[in-house]
Amino acid sequence: MKKFRIVVGLLFVFILVSGLAGCGKKIAAVVNGRNIYAEDVNKQLESIKGQHGDVFKGAEGKKKEAEFRKKIIDNLISEQLVLEEAEKRKIKVTAEEYALKLAEIKKSFPSEEQFNETLKKEGLTEKSLEEMMKKQMLIQKVSDEITAGVKVSESEIKDYYDKNLELFKDSEQVKARHILVKTEKEAKDILSKLNAGSGFEEMAKQYSTDKSNKDQGGDLGWILKGQMVPEFENAAFSLETGKLSDPVKTQYGFHIIRVDDKKPAQQKPFDAVKAQVKQTIESQKKREKFQGWIEEVKKKSKIEIK
């Protein structure tokens, strides 16, 4: 399951989860007469430090902390300017829109109870969640309006594809079966029986400890590179079709592997990925246009960093 803060927090690349501003607090910046509070900056910084504590250790860590603090303030300034634009354009988030978004988030949880438990764990109330989400939805609406005219040409799509062919390849695959046991002796005994003519599927059903596939004769289906632990992958991808491996030790035990089929790496045809490429380019152009618009607004705004 995705972490809750990721589900509700990444509607745009430069947005960070915002705390709730309070009156009478120390001010970090003033944007067109509106305050950004140090407490909100500190909350975000502490959240980042909690996830990446090692980055902030020692003298170099102090420099990193200052860099992150500066970036957080800059992000909050950008956020405030976008929210002001929403006011100017009379953009609003309706109760219906919020209800739909909240229902979408709740669907990612197995139950209402789990949702409420996660909300509590993240230090959020229903009211603070609503405020945070509506703010982010407003920002997205402004972004959509600012970037509405972005277009992607056929030549741009084809040029991106031609220059990034490695991104559009189907990896090499093997169709494999395995028998998993606890000890090397067991694996060697089973391998001897297989070499003497015993059927692999029957031996897997009888001896394998991998309950997820033993009843299917140890069938693992098609495996892409990077899906299995390195020891297993190295053995499987080096085997010839129909051959048996020697016992392969992994963290799970000892495996006897048989490869039933192979597919070489293949280039995906342009037409198969055209829509994906278009979306990638469009998203990139929208990010650049929106960020460019924000930078222009900053130049025209009265911003004071304390």
C-alpha atoms as a PDB file:
ATOM      1  CA  MET A   1       0.000   0.000   0.000  1.00  0.00           C
ATOM      2  CA  LYS A   2       1.299   3.461  -0.764  1.00  0.00           C
ATOM      3  CA  LYS A   3       2.081   5.643   2.180  1.00  0.00           C
ATOM      4  CA  PHE A   4      -0.773   7.985   2.891  1.00  0.00           C
ATOM      5  CA  ARG A   5       1.336  11.092   2.497  1.00  0.00           C
ATOM      6  CA  ILE A   6       2.239   9.982  -1.026  1.00  0.00           C
ATOM      7  CA  VAL A   7      -1.386   9.311  -1.960  1.00  0.00           C
ATOM      8  CA  VAL A   8      -2.496  12.794  -0.955  1.00  0.00           C
ATOM      9  CA  GLY A   9       0.714  14.753  -1.385  1.00  0.00           C
ATOM     10  CA  LEU A  10       2.163  14.551  -4.883  1.00  0.00           C
ATOM     11  CA  LEU A  11      -0.341  16.353  -7.080  1.00  0.00           C
ATOM     12  CA  PHE A  12       2.503  18.469  -8.471  1.00  0.00           C
ATOM     13  CA  VAL A  13       6.253  18.095  -8.418  1.00  0.00           C
ATOM     14  CA  PHE A  14       7.182  21.076  -6.303  1.00  0.00           C
ATOM     15  CA  ILE A  15       4.387  20.732  -3.710  1.00  0.00           C
ATOM     16  CA  LEU A  16       5.299  19.495  -0.233  1.00  0.00           C
ATOM     17  CA  VAL A  17       2.842  18.572   2.512  1.00  0.00           C
ATOM     18  CA  SER A  18       1.916  21.845   4.235  1.00  0.00           C
ATOM     19  CA  GLY A  19       1.316  22.312   7.933  1.00  0.00           C
ATOM     20  CA  LEU A  20      -1.446  24.527   9.277  1.00  0.00           C
ATOM     21  CA  ALA A  21      -0.327  28.145   9.878  1.00  0.00           C
ATOM     22  CA  GLY A  22      -1.005  29.724  13.244  1.00  0.00           C
ATOM     23  CA  CYS A  23      -1.267  33.293  14.427  1.00  0.00           C
ATOM     24  CA  GLY A  24       1.479  34.921  16.470  1.00  0.00           C
ATOM     25  CA  LYS A  25       4.148  32.510  15.223  1.00  0.00           C
ATOM     26  CA  LYS A  26       7.642  33.270  13.996  1.00  0.00           C
ATOM     27  CA  ILE A  27       7.530  34.333  10.351  1.00  0.00           C
ATOM     28  CA  ALA A  28       9.834  32.751   7.737  1.00  0.00           C
ATOM     29  CA  ALA A  29       8.700  34.823   4.741  1.00  0.00           C
ATOM     30  CA  VAL A  30       6.047  37.299   3.631  1.00  0.00           C
ATOM     31  CA  VAL A  31       4.430  36.963   0.215  1.00  0.00           C
ATOM     32  CA  ASN A  32       2.388  39.937  -0.964  1.00  0.00           C
ATOM     33  CA  GLY A  33       1.509  40.699   2.639  1.00  0.00           C
ATOM     34  CA  ARG A  34       0.707  37.100   3.606  1.00  0.00           C
ATOM     35  CA  ASN A  35       2.853  35.244   6.128  1.00  0.00           C
ATOM     36  CA  ILE A  36       4.647  31.931   5.773  1.00  0.00           C
ATOM     37  CA  TYR A  37       5.393  30.645   9.263  1.00  0.00           C
ATOM     38  CA  ALA A  38       8.673  29.122  10.448  1.00  0.00           C
ATOM     39  CA  GLU A  39       6.706  26.403  12.213  1.00  0.00           C
ATOM     40  CA  ASP A  40       5.387  25.114   8.882  1.00  0.00           C
ATOM     41  CA  VAL A  41       8.901  25.135   7.409  1.00  0.00           C
ATOM     42  CA  ASN A  42      10.219  23.232  10.430  1.00  0.00           C
ATOM     43  CA  LYS A  43       7.454  20.632  10.223  1.00  0.00           C
ATOM     44  CA  GLN A  44       8.362  19.826   6.636  1.00  0.00           C
ATOM     45  CA  LEU A  45      12.082  19.776   7.406  1.00  0.00           C
ATOM     46  CA  GLU A  46      11.580  17.414  10.358  1.00  0.00           C
ATOM     47  CA  SER A  47       9.466  15.128   8.170  1.00  0.00           C
ATOM     48  CA  ILE A  48      12.267  14.955   5.588  1.00  0.00           C
ATOM     49  CA  LYS A  49      14.894  14.396   8.277  1.00  0.00           C
ATOM     50  CA  GLY A  50      12.794  11.598   9.732  1.00  0.00           C
ATOM     51  CA  GLN A  51      12.847   9.775   6.401  1.00  0.00           C
ATOM     52  CA  HIS A  52      16.457  10.554   5.383  1.00  0.00           C
ATOM     53  CA  GLY A  53      18.216  11.120   8.704  1.00  0.00           C
ATOM     54  CA  ASP A  54      21.647   9.965   7.513  1.00  0.00           C
ATOM     55  CA  VAL A  55      21.819  12.797   4.972  1.00  0.00           C
ATOM     56  CA  PHE A  56      21.798  15.389   7.768  1.00  0.00           C
ATOM     57  CA  LYS A  57      24.655  14.008   9.911  1.00  0.00           C
ATOM     58  CA  GLY A  58      27.901  15.875  10.511  1.00  0.00           C
ATOM     59  CA  ALA A  59      29.126  19.171   9.076  1.00  0.00           C
ATOM     60  CA  GLU A  60      27.973  18.287   5.583  1.00  0.00           C
ATOM     61  CA  GLY A  61      24.549  17.533   7.041  1.00  0.00           C
ATOM     62  CA  LYS A  62      24.249  21.100   8.340  1.00  0.00           C
ATOM     63  CA  LYS A  63      24.792  22.397   4.815  1.00  0.00           C
ATOM     64  CA  LYS A  64      22.162  19.963   3.516  1.00  0.00           C
ATOM     65  CA  GLU A  65      19.715  21.117   6.176  1.00  0.00           C
ATOM     66  CA  ALA A  66      20.188  24.753   5.147  1.00  0.00           C
ATOM     67  CA  GLU A  67      19.670  23.815   1.488  1.00  0.00           C
ATOM     68  CA  PHE A  68      16.474  21.899   2.266  1.00  0.00           C
ATOM     69  CA  ARG A  69      15.152  24.733   4.449  1.00  0.00           C
ATOM     70  CA  LYS A  70      15.723  27.212   1.633  1.00  0.00           C
ATOM     71  CA  LYS A  71      13.994  24.912  -0.847  1.00  0.00           C
ATOM     72  CA  ILE A  72      11.005  24.381   1.469  1.00  0.00           C
ATOM     73  CA  ILE A  73      10.562  28.137   1.888  1.00  0.00           C
ATOM     74  CA  ASP A  74      10.791  28.591  -1.879  1.00  0.00           C
ATOM     75  CA  ASN A  75       8.173  25.866  -2.393  1.00  0.00           C
ATOM     76  CA  LEU A  76       5.825  27.484   0.113  1.00  0.00           C
ATOM     77  CA  ILE A  77       6.269  30.850  -1.602  1.00  0.00           C
ATOM     78  CA  SER A  78       5.393  29.220  -4.934  1.00  0.00           C
ATOM     79  CA  GLU A  79       2.392  27.545  -3.326  1.00  0.00           C
ATOM     80  CA  GLN A  80       1.147  30.840  -1.899  1.00  0.00           C
ATOM     81  CA  LEU A  81       1.446  32.595  -5.264  1.00  0.00           C
ATOM     82  CA  VAL A  82      -0.517  29.833  -6.990  1.00  0.00           C
ATOM     83  CA  LEU A  83      -3.257  30.038  -4.354  1.00  0.00           C
ATOM     84  CA  GLU A  84      -3.448  33.811  -4.883  1.00  0.00           C
ATOM     85  CA  GLU A  85      -3.882  33.143  -8.600  1.00  0.00           C
ATOM     86  CA  ALA A  86      -6.742  30.795  -7.773  1.00  0.00           C
ATOM     87  CA  GLU A  87      -8.428  33.667  -5.927  1.00  0.00           C
ATOM     88  CA  LYS A  88      -7.916  36.044  -8.869  1.00  0.00           C
ATOM     89  CA  ARG A  89      -9.359  33.510 -11.305  1.00  0.00           C
ATOM     90  CA  LYS A  90     -12.196  32.645  -8.904  1.00  0.00           C
ATOM     91  CA  ILE A  91     -11.187  28.978  -9.037  1.00  0.00           C
ATOM     92  CA  LYS A  92     -12.818  26.897  -6.323  1.00  0.00           C
ATOM     93  CA  VAL A  93     -13.017  23.271  -5.218  1.00  0.00           C
ATOM     94  CA  THR A  94     -16.609  22.189  -4.746  1.00  0.00           C
ATOM     95  CA  ALA A  95     -17.834  19.877  -2.014  1.00  0.00           C
ATOM     96  CA  GLU A  96     -18.673  17.304  -4.707  1.00  0.00           C
ATOM     97  CA  GLU A  97     -15.156  17.419  -6.155  1.00  0.00           C
ATOM     98  CA  TYR A  98     -13.616  16.970  -2.729  1.00  0.00           C
ATOM     99  CA  ALA A  99     -15.954  14.084  -1.906  1.00  0.00           C
ATOM    100  CA  LEU A 100     -14.983  12.300  -5.130  1.00  0.00           C
ATOM    101  CA  LYS A 101     -11.252  12.757  -4.454  1.00  0.00           C
ATOM    102  CA  LEU A 102     -11.628  11.569  -0.861  1.00  0.00           C
ATOM    103  CA  ALA A 103     -13.579   8.499  -2.009  1.00  0.00           C
ATOM    104  CA  GLU A 104     -10.789   7.752  -4.512  1.00  0.00           C
ATOM    105  CA  ILE A 105      -8.188   7.851  -1.738  1.00  0.00           C
ATOM    106  CA  LYS A 106     -10.283   5.710   0.595  1.00  0.00           C
ATOM    107  CA  LYS A 107     -10.497   3.029  -2.107  1.00  0.00           C
ATOM    108  CA  SER A 108      -6.759   2.436  -1.689  1.00  0.00           C
ATOM    109  CA  PHE A 109      -7.390   1.227   1.873  1.00  0.00           C
ATOM    110  CA  PRO A 110      -8.914  -2.161   2.761  1.00  0.00           C
ATOM    111  CA  SER A 111     -11.421  -0.596   5.168  1.00  0.00           C
ATOM    112  CA  GLU A 112     -12.708   2.660   6.658  1.00  0.00           C
ATOM    113  CA  GLU A 113     -11.049   1.672   9.927  1.00  0.00           C
ATOM    114  CA  GLN A 114      -7.660   1.327   8.257  1.00  0.00           C
ATOM    115  CA  PHE A 115      -8.124   4.725   6.624  1.00  0.00           C
ATOM    116  CA  ASN A 116      -8.922   6.372   9.979  1.00  0.00           C
ATOM    117  CA  GLU A 117      -5.995   4.637  11.683  1.00  0.00           C
ATOM    118  CA  THR A 118      -3.594   5.872   9.003  1.00  0.00           C
ATOM    119  CA  LEU A 119      -5.052   9.373   9.256  1.00  0.00           C
ATOM    120  CA  LYS A 120      -4.383   9.371  12.998  1.00  0.00           C
ATOM    121  CA  LYS A 121      -0.878   7.966  12.556  1.00  0.00           C
ATOM    122  CA  GLU A 122      -0.049  10.786  10.122  1.00  0.00           C
ATOM    123  CA  GLY A 123      -1.237  13.372  12.660  1.00  0.00           C
ATOM    124  CA  LEU A 124      -4.176  14.458  10.519  1.00  0.00           C
ATOM    125  CA  THR A 125      -7.795  15.137  11.412  1.00  0.00           C
ATOM    126  CA  GLU A 126     -10.659  15.082   8.921  1.00  0.00           C
ATOM    127  CA  LYS A 127     -10.636  18.884   8.949  1.00  0.00           C
ATOM    128  CA  SER A 128      -6.874  19.237   8.389  1.00  0.00           C
ATOM    129  CA  LEU A 129      -6.997  16.594   5.671  1.00  0.00           C
ATOM    130  CA  GLU A 130      -9.783  18.461   3.895  1.00  0.00           C
ATOM    131  CA  GLU A 131      -7.884  21.741   4.096  1.00  0.00           C
ATOM    132  CA  MET A 132      -4.698  20.171   2.764  1.00  0.00           C
ATOM    133  CA  MET A 133      -6.408  18.296  -0.062  1.00  0.00           C
ATOM    134  CA  LYS A 134      -8.502  21.262  -1.180  1.00  0.00           C
ATOM    135  CA  LYS A 135      -5.358  23.383  -1.289  1.00  0.00           C
ATOM    136  CA  GLN A 136      -3.633  20.842  -3.492  1.00  0.00           C
ATOM    137  CA  MET A 137      -6.692  20.471  -5.717  1.00  0.00           C
ATOM    138  CA  LEU A 138      -6.773  24.264  -6.195  1.00  0.00           C
ATOM    139  CA  ILE A 139      -3.107  24.218  -7.183  1.00  0.00           C
ATOM    140  CA  GLN A 140      -3.785  21.478  -9.718  1.00  0.00           C
ATOM    141  CA  LYS A 141      -6.706  23.439 -11.178  1.00  0.00           C
ATOM    142  CA  VAL A 142      -4.530  26.533 -11.611  1.00  0.00           C
ATOM    143  CA  SER A 143      -1.830  24.387 -13.223  1.00  0.00           C
ATOM    144  CA  ASP A 144      -4.387  22.910 -15.627  1.00  0.00           C
ATOM    145  CA  GLU A 145      -5.514  26.373 -16.706  1.00  0.00           C
ATOM    146  CA  ILE A 146      -1.996  27.772 -17.079  1.00  0.00           C
ATOM    147  CA  THR A 147      -0.848  24.790 -19.158  1.00  0.00           C
ATOM    148  CA  ALA A 148      -4.055  24.228 -21.117  1.00  0.00           C
ATOM    149  CA  GLY A 149      -2.461  25.315 -24.402  1.00  0.00           C
ATOM    150  CA  VAL A 150       0.425  22.845 -24.302  1.00  0.00           C
ATOM    151  CA  LYS A 151       0.577  20.730 -27.469  1.00  0.00           C
ATOM    152  CA  VAL A 152       2.815  17.860 -28.563  1.00  0.00           C
ATOM    153  CA  SER A 153       3.543  17.383 -32.255  1.00  0.00           C
ATOM    154  CA  GLU A 154       3.958  14.079 -34.102  1.00  0.00           C
ATOM    155  CA  SER A 155       7.574  14.971 -34.877  1.00  0.00           C
ATOM    156  CA  GLU A 156       8.319  15.584 -31.179  1.00  0.00           C
ATOM    157  CA  ILE A 157       6.898  12.181 -30.269  1.00  0.00           C
ATOM    158  CA  LYS A 158       8.915  10.373 -32.951  1.00  0.00           C
ATOM    159  CA  ASP A 159      12.094  12.288 -32.129  1.00  0.00           C
ATOM    160  CA  TYR A 160      11.789  11.412 -28.411  1.00  0.00           C
ATOM    161  CA  TYR A 161      11.242   7.752 -29.256  1.00  0.00           C
ATOM    162  CA  ASP A 162      14.246   7.615 -31.611  1.00  0.00           C
ATOM    163  CA  LYS A 163      16.535   9.254 -29.074  1.00  0.00           C
ATOM    164  CA  ASN A 164      15.399   7.052 -26.161  1.00  0.00           C
ATOM    165  CA  LEU A 165      15.085   3.591 -27.680  1.00  0.00           C
ATOM    166  CA  GLU A 166      16.504   1.945 -24.558  1.00  0.00           C
ATOM    167  CA  LEU A 167      13.492   3.155 -22.577  1.00  0.00           C
ATOM    168  CA  PHE A 168      11.145   1.233 -24.847  1.00  0.00           C
ATOM    169  CA  LYS A 169      12.493  -2.279 -24.786  1.00  0.00           C
ATOM    170  CA  ASP A 170      10.919  -5.452 -23.467  1.00  0.00           C
ATOM    171  CA  SER A 171      13.535  -7.023 -21.215  1.00  0.00           C
ATOM    172  CA  GLU A 172      14.853 -10.517 -21.754  1.00  0.00           C
ATOM    173  CA  GLN A 173      12.522 -13.080 -20.144  1.00  0.00           C
ATOM    174  CA  VAL A 174      12.661 -16.729 -19.148  1.00  0.00           C
ATOM    175  CA  LYS A 175       9.782 -19.110 -18.419  1.00  0.00           C
ATOM    176  CA  ALA A 176      10.951 -21.177 -15.485  1.00  0.00           C
ATOM    177  CA  ARG A 177      10.024 -23.752 -12.861  1.00  0.00           C
ATOM    178  CA  HIS A 178      11.774 -24.463  -9.602  1.00  0.00           C
ATOM    179  CA  ILE A 179      11.844 -26.847  -6.672  1.00  0.00           C
ATOM    180  CA  LEU A 180      12.714 -25.178  -3.373  1.00  0.00           C
ATOM    181  CA  VAL A 181      14.043 -27.134  -0.373  1.00  0.00           C
ATOM    182  CA  LYS A 182      15.767 -26.257   2.897  1.00  0.00           C
ATOM    183  CA  THR A 183      19.122 -28.030   2.573  1.00  0.00           C
ATOM    184  CA  GLU A 184      21.744 -28.589  -0.099  1.00  0.00           C
ATOM    185  CA  LYS A 185      21.614 -32.358   0.534  1.00  0.00           C
ATOM    186  CA  GLU A 186      17.884 -32.438  -0.242  1.00  0.00           C
ATOM    187  CA  ALA A 187      18.503 -30.434  -3.412  1.00  0.00           C
ATOM    188  CA  LYS A 188      21.258 -32.794  -4.560  1.00  0.00           C
ATOM    189  CA  ASP A 189      19.113 -35.868  -3.874  1.00  0.00           C
ATOM    190  CA  ILE A 190      16.249 -34.377  -5.918  1.00  0.00           C
ATOM    191  CA  LEU A 191      18.617 -33.417  -8.742  1.00  0.00           C
ATOM    192  CA  SER A 192      19.883 -37.018  -8.880  1.00  0.00           C
ATOM    193  CA  LYS A 193      16.315 -38.300  -9.209  1.00  0.00           C
ATOM    194  CA  LEU A 194      15.562 -35.756 -11.939  1.00  0.00           C
ATOM    195  CA  ASN A 195      18.689 -36.736 -13.869  1.00  0.00           C
ATOM    196  CA  ALA A 196      17.586 -40.382 -13.513  1.00  0.00           C
ATOM    197  CA  GLY A 197      14.298 -39.587 -15.246  1.00  0.00           C
ATOM    198  CA  SER A 198      11.849 -38.442 -12.565  1.00  0.00           C
ATOM    199  CA  GLY A 199       9.344 -35.822 -13.725  1.00  0.00           C
ATOM    200  CA  PHE A 200      10.083 -32.260 -12.641  1.00  0.00           C
ATOM    201  CA  GLU A 201       6.427 -31.297 -12.056  1.00  0.00           C
ATOM    202  CA  GLU A 202       5.766 -34.378  -9.920  1.00  0.00           C
ATOM    203  CA  MET A 203       8.929 -33.806  -7.867  1.00  0.00           C
ATOM    204  CA  ALA A 204       7.964 -30.154  -7.303  1.00  0.00           C
ATOM    205  CA  LYS A 205       4.510 -31.168  -6.052  1.00  0.00           C
ATOM    206  CA  GLN A 206       6.052 -33.722  -3.725  1.00  0.00           C
ATOM    207  CA  TYR A 207       9.093 -31.907  -2.341  1.00  0.00           C
ATOM    208  CA  SER A 208       8.996 -28.134  -2.967  1.00  0.00           C
ATOM    209  CA  THR A 209       8.441 -25.882   0.054  1.00  0.00           C
ATOM    210  CA  ASP A 210       7.247 -22.990  -2.130  1.00  0.00           C
ATOM    211  CA  LYS A 211       3.519 -23.260  -1.487  1.00  0.00           C
ATOM    212  CA  SER A 212       2.689 -20.527  -3.989  1.00  0.00           C
ATOM    213  CA  ASN A 213       3.528 -22.729  -6.982  1.00  0.00           C
ATOM    214  CA  LYS A 214       4.333 -26.307  -5.863  1.00  0.00           C
ATOM    215  CA  ASP A 215       0.840 -27.515  -6.857  1.00  0.00           C
ATOM    216  CA  GLN A 216       1.482 -26.106 -10.335  1.00  0.00           C
ATOM    217  CA  GLY A 217       4.666 -28.147 -10.649  1.00  0.00           C
ATOM    218  CA  GLY A 218       6.885 -25.259  -9.532  1.00  0.00           C
ATOM    219  CA  ASP A 219       5.711 -23.028 -12.404  1.00  0.00           C
ATOM    220  CA  LEU A 220       6.966 -19.443 -11.973  1.00  0.00           C
ATOM    221  CA  GLY A 221       5.655 -18.199 -15.317  1.00  0.00           C
ATOM    222  CA  TRP A 222       7.576 -15.590 -17.302  1.00  0.00           C
ATOM    223  CA  ILE A 223      10.300 -13.828 -15.313  1.00  0.00           C
ATOM    224  CA  LEU A 224      11.756 -10.448 -16.226  1.00  0.00           C
ATOM    225  CA  LYS A 225      15.289  -9.488 -15.265  1.00  0.00           C
ATOM    226  CA  GLY A 226      15.255  -7.769 -11.896  1.00  0.00           C
ATOM    227  CA  GLN A 227      12.233  -9.652 -10.555  1.00  0.00           C
ATOM    228  CA  MET A 228      14.104 -12.365  -8.654  1.00  0.00           C
ATOM    229  CA  VAL A 229      16.978 -12.341  -6.173  1.00  0.00           C
ATOM    230  CA  PRO A 230      20.371 -12.115  -7.962  1.00  0.00           C
ATOM    231  CA  GLU A 231      21.520 -15.696  -7.291  1.00  0.00           C
ATOM    232  CA  PHE A 232      18.325 -17.146  -8.751  1.00  0.00           C
ATOM    233  CA  GLU A 233      18.264 -14.720 -11.668  1.00  0.00           C
ATOM    234  CA  ASN A 234      21.887 -15.341 -12.661  1.00  0.00           C
ATOM    235  CA  ALA A 235      21.315 -19.087 -12.730  1.00  0.00           C
ATOM    236  CA  ALA A 236      17.977 -18.947 -14.568  1.00  0.00           C
ATOM    237  CA  PHE A 237      19.110 -16.560 -17.302  1.00  0.00           C
ATOM    238  CA  SER A 238      22.320 -18.520 -17.942  1.00  0.00           C
ATOM    239  CA  LEU A 239      20.526 -21.880 -18.380  1.00  0.00           C
ATOM    240  CA  GLU A 240      19.761 -23.380 -21.760  1.00  0.00           C
ATOM    241  CA  THR A 241      16.134 -24.223 -22.466  1.00  0.00           C
ATOM    242  CA  GLY A 242      15.169 -27.579 -20.960  1.00  0.00           C
ATOM    243  CA  LYS A 243      18.314 -27.864 -18.817  1.00  0.00           C
ATOM    244  CA  LEU A 244      18.469 -28.234 -15.017  1.00  0.00           C
ATOM    245  CA  SER A 245      20.546 -26.056 -12.742  1.00  0.00           C
ATOM    246  CA  ASP A 246      22.825 -27.269  -9.994  1.00  0.00           C
ATOM    247  CA  PRO A 247      21.450 -26.426  -6.514  1.00  0.00           C
ATOM    248  CA  VAL A 248      21.237 -22.640  -6.246  1.00  0.00           C
ATOM    249  CA  LYS A 249      21.458 -21.140  -2.759  1.00  0.00           C
ATOM    250  CA  THR A 250      19.398 -18.025  -1.948  1.00  0.00           C
ATOM    251  CA  GLN A 251      17.998 -16.516   1.237  1.00  0.00           C
ATOM    252  CA  TYR A 252      14.969 -18.810   0.811  1.00  0.00           C
ATOM    253  CA  GLY A 253      16.851 -22.106   0.642  1.00  0.00           C
ATOM    254  CA  PHE A 254      18.163 -24.264  -2.236  1.00  0.00           C
ATOM    255  CA  HIS A 255      16.561 -24.242  -5.679  1.00  0.00           C
ATOM    256  CA  ILE A 256      16.618 -26.632  -8.616  1.00  0.00           C
ATOM    257  CA  ILE A 257      15.665 -24.534 -11.651  1.00  0.00           C
ATOM    258  CA  ARG A 258      14.478 -25.565 -15.097  1.00  0.00           C
ATOM    259  CA  VAL A 259      13.995 -23.054 -17.921  1.00  0.00           C
ATOM    260  CA  ASP A 260      11.189 -24.055 -20.306  1.00  0.00           C
ATOM    261  CA  ASP A 261      11.354 -21.115 -22.732  1.00  0.00           C
ATOM    262  CA  LYS A 262      13.143 -17.832 -23.415  1.00  0.00           C
ATOM    263  CA  LYS A 263      12.308 -14.471 -24.972  1.00  0.00           C
ATOM    264  CA  PRO A 264      15.143 -12.163 -26.028  1.00  0.00           C
ATOM    265  CA  ALA A 265      15.020  -8.429 -25.306  1.00  0.00           C
ATOM    266  CA  GLN A 266      12.887  -6.770 -27.972  1.00  0.00           C
ATOM    267  CA  GLN A 267      12.354  -3.208 -29.078  1.00  0.00           C
ATOM    268  CA  LYS A 268       8.768  -2.048 -28.618  1.00  0.00           C
ATOM    269  CA  PRO A 269       7.406  -0.669 -31.909  1.00  0.00           C
ATOM    270  CA  PHE A 270       6.719   3.056 -32.080  1.00  0.00           C
ATOM    271  CA  ASP A 271       2.965   2.657 -32.507  1.00  0.00           C
ATOM    272  CA  ALA A 272       2.758   0.531 -29.340  1.00  0.00           C
ATOM    273  CA  VAL A 273       4.264   3.267 -27.136  1.00  0.00           C
ATOM    274  CA  LYS A 274       3.200   6.402 -29.008  1.00  0.00           C
ATOM    275  CA  ALA A 275       0.510   7.361 -26.471  1.00  0.00           C
ATOM    276  CA  GLN A 276       2.925   6.787 -23.582  1.00  0.00           C
ATOM    277  CA  VAL A 277       5.599   8.949 -25.222  1.00  0.00           C
ATOM    278  CA  LYS A 278       3.094  11.716 -25.895  1.00  0.00           C
ATOM    279  CA  GLN A 279       2.006  11.728 -22.260  1.00  0.00           C
ATOM    280  CA  THR A 280       5.635  11.863 -21.083  1.00  0.00           C
ATOM    281  CA  ILE A 281       6.470  14.840 -23.292  1.00  0.00           C
ATOM    282  CA  GLU A 282       3.215  16.604 -22.459  1.00  0.00           C
ATOM    283  CA  SER A 283       3.799  16.227 -18.703  1.00  0.00           C
ATOM    284  CA  GLN A 284       7.339  17.543 -19.032  1.00  0.00           C
ATOM    285  CA  LYS A 285       6.242  20.559 -21.098  1.00  0.00           C
ATOM    286  CA  LYS A 286       3.444  21.336 -18.646  1.00  0.00           C
ATOM    287  CA  ARG A 287       5.854  21.180 -15.686  1.00  0.00           C
ATOM    288  CA  GLU A 288       8.261  23.520 -17.452  1.00  0.00           C
ATOM    289  CA  LYS A 289       5.523  25.976 -18.476  1.00  0.00           C
ATOM    290  CA  PHE A 290       3.982  26.045 -15.011  1.00  0.00           C
ATOM    291  CA  GLN A 291       7.341  26.487 -13.297  1.00  0.00           C
ATOM    292  CA  GLY A 292       8.239  29.226 -15.788  1.00  0.00           C
ATOM    293  CA  TRP A 293       4.946  30.967 -15.031  1.00  0.00           C
ATOM    294  CA  ILE A 294       5.661  30.786 -11.283  1.00  0.00           C
ATOM    295  CA  GLU A 295       9.112  32.310 -11.748  1.00  0.00           C
ATOM    296  CA  GLU A 296       7.588  35.210 -13.703  1.00  0.00           C
ATOM    297  CA  VAL A 297       4.985  35.790 -10.996  1.00  0.00           C
ATOM    298  CA  LYS A 298       7.725  35.825  -8.359  1.00  0.00           C
ATOM    299  CA  LYS A 299       9.464  38.671 -10.189  1.00  0.00           C
ATOM    300  CA  LYS A 300       6.277  40.748 -10.025  1.00  0.00           C
ATOM    301  CA  SER A 301       5.464  39.910  -6.400  1.00  0.00           C
ATOM    302  CA  LYS A 302       6.584  41.451  -3.133  1.00  0.00           C
ATOM    303  CA  ILE A 303       8.488  38.679  -1.364  1.00  0.00           C
ATOM    304  CA  GLU A 304      10.455  39.126   1.843  1.00  0.00           C
ATOM    305  CA  ILE A 305      12.423  36.238   3.377  1.00  0.00           C
ATOM    306  CA  LYS A 306      13.082  36.764   7.080  1.00  0.00           C
END
